[in-house]
């Protein structure tokens, strides 16, 4: 098994402080998920796979064809 990788703090700080111009306080309040969302937003988002099973049923119920 491979070793878990350390969180990329330098990259996260470069994104938040340098690119997004967040204050240090905003950076430290952000969660890793929020940082990832910011990165994805700058890069066009992540490709989503097809909706299957339970996800597809939930989508169909939320957005029924009329």
PDB file of N, CA and C in Angstrom:
ATOM      1  N   UNK A   1       0.832  -1.181   0.000  1.00  0.00           N
ATOM      2  CA  UNK A   1       0.000   0.000   0.000  1.00  0.00           C
ATOM      3  C   UNK A   1       0.877   1.243   0.000  1.00  0.00           C
ATOM      4  N   UNK A   2       0.372   2.284  -0.680  1.00  0.00           N
ATOM      5  CA  UNK A   2       1.152   3.520  -0.716  1.00  0.00           C
ATOM      6  C   UNK A   2       0.826   4.383   0.503  1.00  0.00           C
ATOM      7  N   UNK A   3       1.779   5.210   0.840  1.00  0.00           N
ATOM      8  CA  UNK A   3       1.631   6.107   1.988  1.00  0.00           C
ATOM      9  C   UNK A   3       0.622   7.204   1.641  1.00  0.00           C
ATOM     10  N   UNK A   4      -0.193   7.636   2.603  1.00  0.00           N
ATOM     11  CA  UNK A   4      -1.083   8.768   2.333  1.00  0.00           C
ATOM     12  C   UNK A   4      -0.254  10.023   2.092  1.00  0.00           C
ATOM     13  N   UNK A   5      -0.712  10.842   1.171  1.00  0.00           N
ATOM     14  CA  UNK A   5       0.020  12.065   0.862  1.00  0.00           C
ATOM     15  C   UNK A   5      -0.382  13.171   1.825  1.00  0.00           C
ATOM     16  N   UNK A   6       0.568  13.997   2.150  1.00  0.00           N
ATOM     17  CA  UNK A   6       0.316  15.139   3.025  1.00  0.00           C
ATOM     18  C   UNK A   6      -0.544  16.161   2.288  1.00  0.00           C
ATOM     19  N   UNK A   7      -1.317  16.930   3.029  1.00  0.00           N
ATOM     20  CA  UNK A   7      -2.127  17.978   2.425  1.00  0.00           C
ATOM     21  C   UNK A   7      -1.203  19.000   1.771  1.00  0.00           C
ATOM     22  N   UNK A   8      -1.518  19.431   0.546  1.00  0.00           N
ATOM     23  CA  UNK A   8      -0.643  20.378  -0.177  1.00  0.00           C
ATOM     24  C   UNK A   8      -0.829  21.819   0.295  1.00  0.00           C
ATOM     25  N   UNK A   9      -0.305  22.101   1.487  1.00  0.00           N
ATOM     26  CA  UNK A   9      -0.497  23.425   2.085  1.00  0.00           C
ATOM     27  C   UNK A   9       0.030  24.552   1.214  1.00  0.00           C
ATOM     28  N   UNK A  10       1.196  24.385   0.624  1.00  0.00           N
ATOM     29  CA  UNK A  10       1.759  25.455  -0.203  1.00  0.00           C
ATOM     30  C   UNK A  10       0.843  25.767  -1.384  1.00  0.00           C
ATOM     31  N   UNK A  11       0.336  24.739  -2.035  1.00  0.00           N
ATOM     32  CA  UNK A  11      -0.578  24.947  -3.165  1.00  0.00           C
ATOM     33  C   UNK A  11      -1.875  25.599  -2.704  1.00  0.00           C
ATOM     34  N   UNK A  12      -2.402  25.157  -1.572  1.00  0.00           N
ATOM     35  CA  UNK A  12      -3.647  25.717  -1.046  1.00  0.00           C
ATOM     36  C   UNK A  12      -3.473  27.198  -0.705  1.00  0.00           C
ATOM     37  N   UNK A  13      -2.362  27.543  -0.077  1.00  0.00           N
ATOM     38  CA  UNK A  13      -2.122  28.945   0.273  1.00  0.00           C
ATOM     39  C   UNK A  13      -1.902  29.792  -0.972  1.00  0.00           C
ATOM     40  N   UNK A  14      -1.211  29.266  -1.966  1.00  0.00           N
ATOM     41  CA  UNK A  14      -1.008  29.999  -3.212  1.00  0.00           C
ATOM     42  C   UNK A  14      -2.340  30.288  -3.883  1.00  0.00           C
ATOM     43  N   UNK A  15      -3.212  29.299  -3.935  1.00  0.00           N
ATOM     44  CA  UNK A  15      -4.530  29.484  -4.528  1.00  0.00           C
ATOM     45  C   UNK A  15      -5.331  30.528  -3.754  1.00  0.00           C
ATOM     46  N   UNK A  16      -5.473  30.319  -2.449  1.00  0.00           N
ATOM     47  CA  UNK A  16      -6.341  31.172  -1.646  1.00  0.00           C
ATOM     48  C   UNK A  16      -5.804  32.595  -1.495  1.00  0.00           C
ATOM     49  N   UNK A  17      -4.550  32.717  -1.130  1.00  0.00           N
ATOM     50  CA  UNK A  17      -3.992  34.036  -0.852  1.00  0.00           C
ATOM     51  C   UNK A  17      -3.558  34.765  -2.117  1.00  0.00           C
ATOM     52  N   UNK A  18      -2.989  34.039  -3.059  1.00  0.00           N
ATOM     53  CA  UNK A  18      -2.456  34.673  -4.260  1.00  0.00           C
ATOM     54  C   UNK A  18      -3.460  34.830  -5.378  1.00  0.00           C
ATOM     55  N   UNK A  19      -4.204  33.771  -5.682  1.00  0.00           N
ATOM     56  CA  UNK A  19      -5.126  33.810  -6.820  1.00  0.00           C
ATOM     57  C   UNK A  19      -6.480  34.382  -6.412  1.00  0.00           C
ATOM     58  N   UNK A  20      -7.056  33.853  -5.345  1.00  0.00           N
ATOM     59  CA  UNK A  20      -8.382  34.291  -4.917  1.00  0.00           C
ATOM     60  C   UNK A  20      -8.346  35.569  -4.087  1.00  0.00           C
ATOM     61  N   UNK A  21      -7.165  35.950  -3.602  1.00  0.00           N
ATOM     62  CA  UNK A  21      -6.974  37.151  -2.784  1.00  0.00           C
ATOM     63  C   UNK A  21      -7.774  37.105  -1.485  1.00  0.00           C
ATOM     64  N   UNK A  22      -7.906  35.888  -0.921  1.00  0.00           N
ATOM     65  CA  UNK A  22      -8.542  35.754   0.391  1.00  0.00           C
ATOM     66  C   UNK A  22      -7.594  36.311   1.435  1.00  0.00           C
ATOM     67  N   UNK A  23      -8.154  36.797   2.516  1.00  0.00           N
ATOM     68  CA  UNK A  23      -7.322  37.209   3.644  1.00  0.00           C
ATOM     69  C   UNK A  23      -6.850  35.947   4.362  1.00  0.00           C
ATOM     70  N   UNK A  24      -5.790  36.046   5.168  1.00  0.00           N
ATOM     71  CA  UNK A  24      -5.375  34.869   5.936  1.00  0.00           C
ATOM     72  C   UNK A  24      -6.515  34.312   6.802  1.00  0.00           C
ATOM     73  N   UNK A  25      -7.319  35.196   7.374  1.00  0.00           N
ATOM     74  CA  UNK A  25      -8.437  34.719   8.199  1.00  0.00           C
ATOM     75  C   UNK A  25      -9.432  33.913   7.368  1.00  0.00           C
ATOM     76  N   UNK A  26      -9.734  34.386   6.155  1.00  0.00           N
ATOM     77  CA  UNK A  26     -10.645  33.645   5.276  1.00  0.00           C
ATOM     78  C   UNK A  26     -10.055  32.293   4.905  1.00  0.00           C
ATOM     79  N   UNK A  27      -8.758  32.279   4.628  1.00  0.00           N
ATOM     80  CA  UNK A  27      -8.098  31.020   4.286  1.00  0.00           C
ATOM     81  C   UNK A  27      -8.218  30.010   5.421  1.00  0.00           C
ATOM     82  N   UNK A  28      -7.923  30.416   6.627  1.00  0.00           N
ATOM     83  CA  UNK A  28      -7.923  29.472   7.745  1.00  0.00           C
ATOM     84  C   UNK A  28      -9.322  29.056   8.167  1.00  0.00           C
ATOM     85  N   UNK A  29     -10.333  29.839   7.802  1.00  0.00           N
ATOM     86  CA  UNK A  29     -11.722  29.434   8.069  1.00  0.00           C
ATOM     87  C   UNK A  29     -12.239  28.458   7.018  1.00  0.00           C
ATOM     88  N   UNK A  30     -11.631  28.441   5.841  1.00  0.00           N
ATOM     89  CA  UNK A  30     -12.097  27.584   4.746  1.00  0.00           C
ATOM     90  C   UNK A  30     -11.783  26.118   5.034  1.00  0.00           C
ATOM     91  N   UNK A  31     -12.652  25.262   4.563  1.00  0.00           N
ATOM     92  CA  UNK A  31     -12.429  23.821   4.691  1.00  0.00           C
ATOM     93  C   UNK A  31     -11.695  23.323   3.448  1.00  0.00           C
ATOM     94  N   UNK A  32     -11.062  22.156   3.521  1.00  0.00           N
ATOM     95  CA  UNK A  32     -10.458  21.586   2.312  1.00  0.00           C
ATOM     96  C   UNK A  32     -11.475  21.434   1.182  1.00  0.00           C
ATOM     97  N   UNK A  33     -12.720  21.109   1.525  1.00  0.00           N
ATOM     98  CA  UNK A  33     -13.760  20.984   0.491  1.00  0.00           C
ATOM     99  C   UNK A  33     -14.006  22.335  -0.188  1.00  0.00           C
ATOM    100  N   UNK A  34     -14.010  23.419   0.583  1.00  0.00           N
ATOM    101  CA  UNK A  34     -14.204  24.748  -0.002  1.00  0.00           C
ATOM    102  C   UNK A  34     -13.025  25.135  -0.893  1.00  0.00           C
ATOM    103  N   UNK A  35     -11.830  24.802  -0.475  1.00  0.00           N
ATOM    104  CA  UNK A  35     -10.659  25.077  -1.314  1.00  0.00           C
ATOM    105  C   UNK A  35     -10.723  24.291  -2.610  1.00  0.00           C
ATOM    106  N   UNK A  36     -11.143  23.040  -2.525  1.00  0.00           N
ATOM    107  CA  UNK A  36     -11.281  22.216  -3.725  1.00  0.00           C
ATOM    108  C   UNK A  36     -12.338  22.792  -4.652  1.00  0.00           C
ATOM    109  N   UNK A  37     -13.461  23.252  -4.084  1.00  0.00           N
ATOM    110  CA  UNK A  37     -14.516  23.848  -4.898  1.00  0.00           C
ATOM    111  C   UNK A  37     -14.013  25.116  -5.594  1.00  0.00           C
ATOM    112  N   UNK A  38     -13.226  25.917  -4.890  1.00  0.00           N
ATOM    113  CA  UNK A  38     -12.664  27.121  -5.496  1.00  0.00           C
ATOM    114  C   UNK A  38     -11.742  26.744  -6.650  1.00  0.00           C
ATOM    115  N   UNK A  39     -10.910  25.751  -6.460  1.00  0.00           N
ATOM    116  CA  UNK A  39     -10.000  25.281  -7.511  1.00  0.00           C
ATOM    117  C   UNK A  39     -10.796  24.774  -8.711  1.00  0.00           C
ATOM    118  N   UNK A  40     -11.817  23.956  -8.437  1.00  0.00           N
ATOM    119  CA  UNK A  40     -12.640  23.421  -9.519  1.00  0.00           C
ATOM    120  C   UNK A  40     -13.340  24.547 -10.278  1.00  0.00           C
ATOM    121  N   UNK A  41     -13.798  25.572  -9.552  1.00  0.00           N
ATOM    122  CA  UNK A  41     -14.455  26.694 -10.201  1.00  0.00           C
ATOM    123  C   UNK A  41     -13.534  27.443 -11.145  1.00  0.00           C
ATOM    124  N   UNK A  42     -12.286  27.565 -10.772  1.00  0.00           N
ATOM    125  CA  UNK A  42     -11.314  28.242 -11.635  1.00  0.00           C
ATOM    126  C   UNK A  42     -10.944  27.408 -12.852  1.00  0.00           C
ATOM    127  N   UNK A  43     -11.095  26.099 -12.738  1.00  0.00           N
ATOM    128  CA  UNK A  43     -10.650  25.204 -13.801  1.00  0.00           C
ATOM    129  C   UNK A  43     -11.793  24.516 -14.535  1.00  0.00           C
ATOM    130  N   UNK A  44     -12.974  25.072 -14.454  1.00  0.00           N
ATOM    131  CA  UNK A  44     -14.092  24.523 -15.202  1.00  0.00           C
ATOM    132  C   UNK A  44     -14.795  23.361 -14.537  1.00  0.00           C
ATOM    133  N   UNK A  45     -14.525  23.109 -13.283  1.00  0.00           N
ATOM    134  CA  UNK A  45     -15.209  22.040 -12.569  1.00  0.00           C
ATOM    135  C   UNK A  45     -14.665  20.661 -12.874  1.00  0.00           C
ATOM    136  N   UNK A  46     -15.156  19.714 -12.129  1.00  0.00           N
ATOM    137  CA  UNK A  46     -14.755  18.320 -12.326  1.00  0.00           C
ATOM    138  C   UNK A  46     -15.771  17.626 -13.206  1.00  0.00           C
ATOM    139  N   UNK A  47     -15.322  16.760 -14.077  1.00  0.00           N
ATOM    140  CA  UNK A  47     -16.293  16.016 -14.880  1.00  0.00           C
ATOM    141  C   UNK A  47     -17.111  15.088 -13.980  1.00  0.00           C
ATOM    142  N   UNK A  48     -18.399  15.071 -14.204  1.00  0.00           N
ATOM    143  CA  UNK A  48     -19.273  14.190 -13.431  1.00  0.00           C
ATOM    144  C   UNK A  48     -19.572  12.954 -14.260  1.00  0.00           C
ATOM    145  N   UNK A  49     -19.641  11.837 -13.601  1.00  0.00           N
ATOM    146  CA  UNK A  49     -20.023  10.608 -14.273  1.00  0.00           C
ATOM    147  C   UNK A  49     -21.532  10.550 -14.438  1.00  0.00           C
ATOM    148  N   UNK A  50     -22.009   9.555 -15.106  1.00  0.00           N
ATOM    149  CA  UNK A  50     -23.453   9.433 -15.298  1.00  0.00           C
ATOM    150  C   UNK A  50     -24.171   9.162 -13.979  1.00  0.00           C
ATOM    151  N   UNK A  51     -25.391   9.660 -13.864  1.00  0.00           N
ATOM    152  CA  UNK A  51     -26.209   9.381 -12.685  1.00  0.00           C
ATOM    153  C   UNK A  51     -26.743   7.955 -12.805  1.00  0.00           C
ATOM    154  N   UNK A  52     -26.553   7.192 -11.762  1.00  0.00           N
ATOM    155  CA  UNK A  52     -27.020   5.802 -11.783  1.00  0.00           C
ATOM    156  C   UNK A  52     -27.736   5.484 -10.477  1.00  0.00           C
ATOM    157  N   UNK A  53     -28.549   4.436 -10.512  1.00  0.00           N
ATOM    158  CA  UNK A  53     -29.179   3.906  -9.309  1.00  0.00           C
ATOM    159  C   UNK A  53     -29.935   4.943  -8.516  1.00  0.00           C
ATOM    160  N   UNK A  54     -29.628   4.998  -7.243  1.00  0.00           N
ATOM    161  CA  UNK A  54     -30.316   5.884  -6.307  1.00  0.00           C
ATOM    162  C   UNK A  54     -30.195   7.347  -6.730  1.00  0.00           C
ATOM    163  N   UNK A  55     -29.025   7.756  -7.228  1.00  0.00           N
ATOM    164  CA  UNK A  55     -28.849   9.141  -7.666  1.00  0.00           C
ATOM    165  C   UNK A  55     -29.796   9.473  -8.809  1.00  0.00           C
ATOM    166  N   UNK A  56     -29.921   8.563  -9.759  1.00  0.00           N
ATOM    167  CA  UNK A  56     -30.797   8.792 -10.901  1.00  0.00           C
ATOM    168  C   UNK A  56     -32.248   8.897 -10.442  1.00  0.00           C
ATOM    169  N   UNK A  57     -32.665   8.028  -9.544  1.00  0.00           N
ATOM    170  CA  UNK A  57     -34.041   8.087  -9.029  1.00  0.00           C
ATOM    171  C   UNK A  57     -34.302   9.415  -8.323  1.00  0.00           C
ATOM    172  N   UNK A  58     -33.363   9.862  -7.498  1.00  0.00           N
ATOM    173  CA  UNK A  58     -33.524  11.139  -6.796  1.00  0.00           C
ATOM    174  C   UNK A  58     -33.641  12.298  -7.776  1.00  0.00           C
ATOM    175  N   UNK A  59     -32.823  12.296  -8.817  1.00  0.00           N
ATOM    176  CA  UNK A  59     -32.886  13.353  -9.820  1.00  0.00           C
ATOM    177  C   UNK A  59     -34.210  13.328 -10.561  1.00  0.00           C
ATOM    178  N   UNK A  60     -34.684  12.129 -10.902  1.00  0.00           N
ATOM    179  CA  UNK A  60     -35.951  12.005 -11.623  1.00  0.00           C
ATOM    180  C   UNK A  60     -37.123  12.471 -10.771  1.00  0.00           C
ATOM    181  N   UNK A  61     -37.063  12.212  -9.471  1.00  0.00           N
ATOM    182  CA  UNK A  61     -38.129  12.672  -8.576  1.00  0.00           C
ATOM    183  C   UNK A  61     -38.064  14.198  -8.400  1.00  0.00           C
ATOM    184  N   UNK A  62     -36.857  14.731  -8.302  1.00  0.00           N
ATOM    185  CA  UNK A  62     -36.706  16.167  -8.098  1.00  0.00           C
ATOM    186  C   UNK A  62     -37.044  16.962  -9.357  1.00  0.00           C
ATOM    187  N   UNK A  63     -36.786  16.388 -10.519  1.00  0.00           N
ATOM    188  CA  UNK A  63     -36.994  17.082 -11.800  1.00  0.00           C
ATOM    189  C   UNK A  63     -37.771  16.201 -12.754  1.00  0.00           C
ATOM    190  N   UNK A  64     -39.062  15.962 -12.455  1.00  0.00           N
ATOM    191  CA  UNK A  64     -39.846  15.062 -13.317  1.00  0.00           C
ATOM    192  C   UNK A  64     -40.092  15.671 -14.692  1.00  0.00           C
ATOM    193  N   UNK A  65     -40.174  14.798 -15.701  1.00  0.00           N
ATOM    194  CA  UNK A  65     -40.568  15.242 -17.041  1.00  0.00           C
ATOM    195  C   UNK A  65     -42.058  15.538 -17.026  1.00  0.00           C
ATOM    196  N   UNK A  66     -42.452  16.596 -17.687  1.00  0.00           N
ATOM    197  CA  UNK A  66     -43.874  16.945 -17.682  1.00  0.00           C
ATOM    198  C   UNK A  66     -44.475  16.737 -19.039  1.00  0.00           C
TER     199      UNK A  66
END
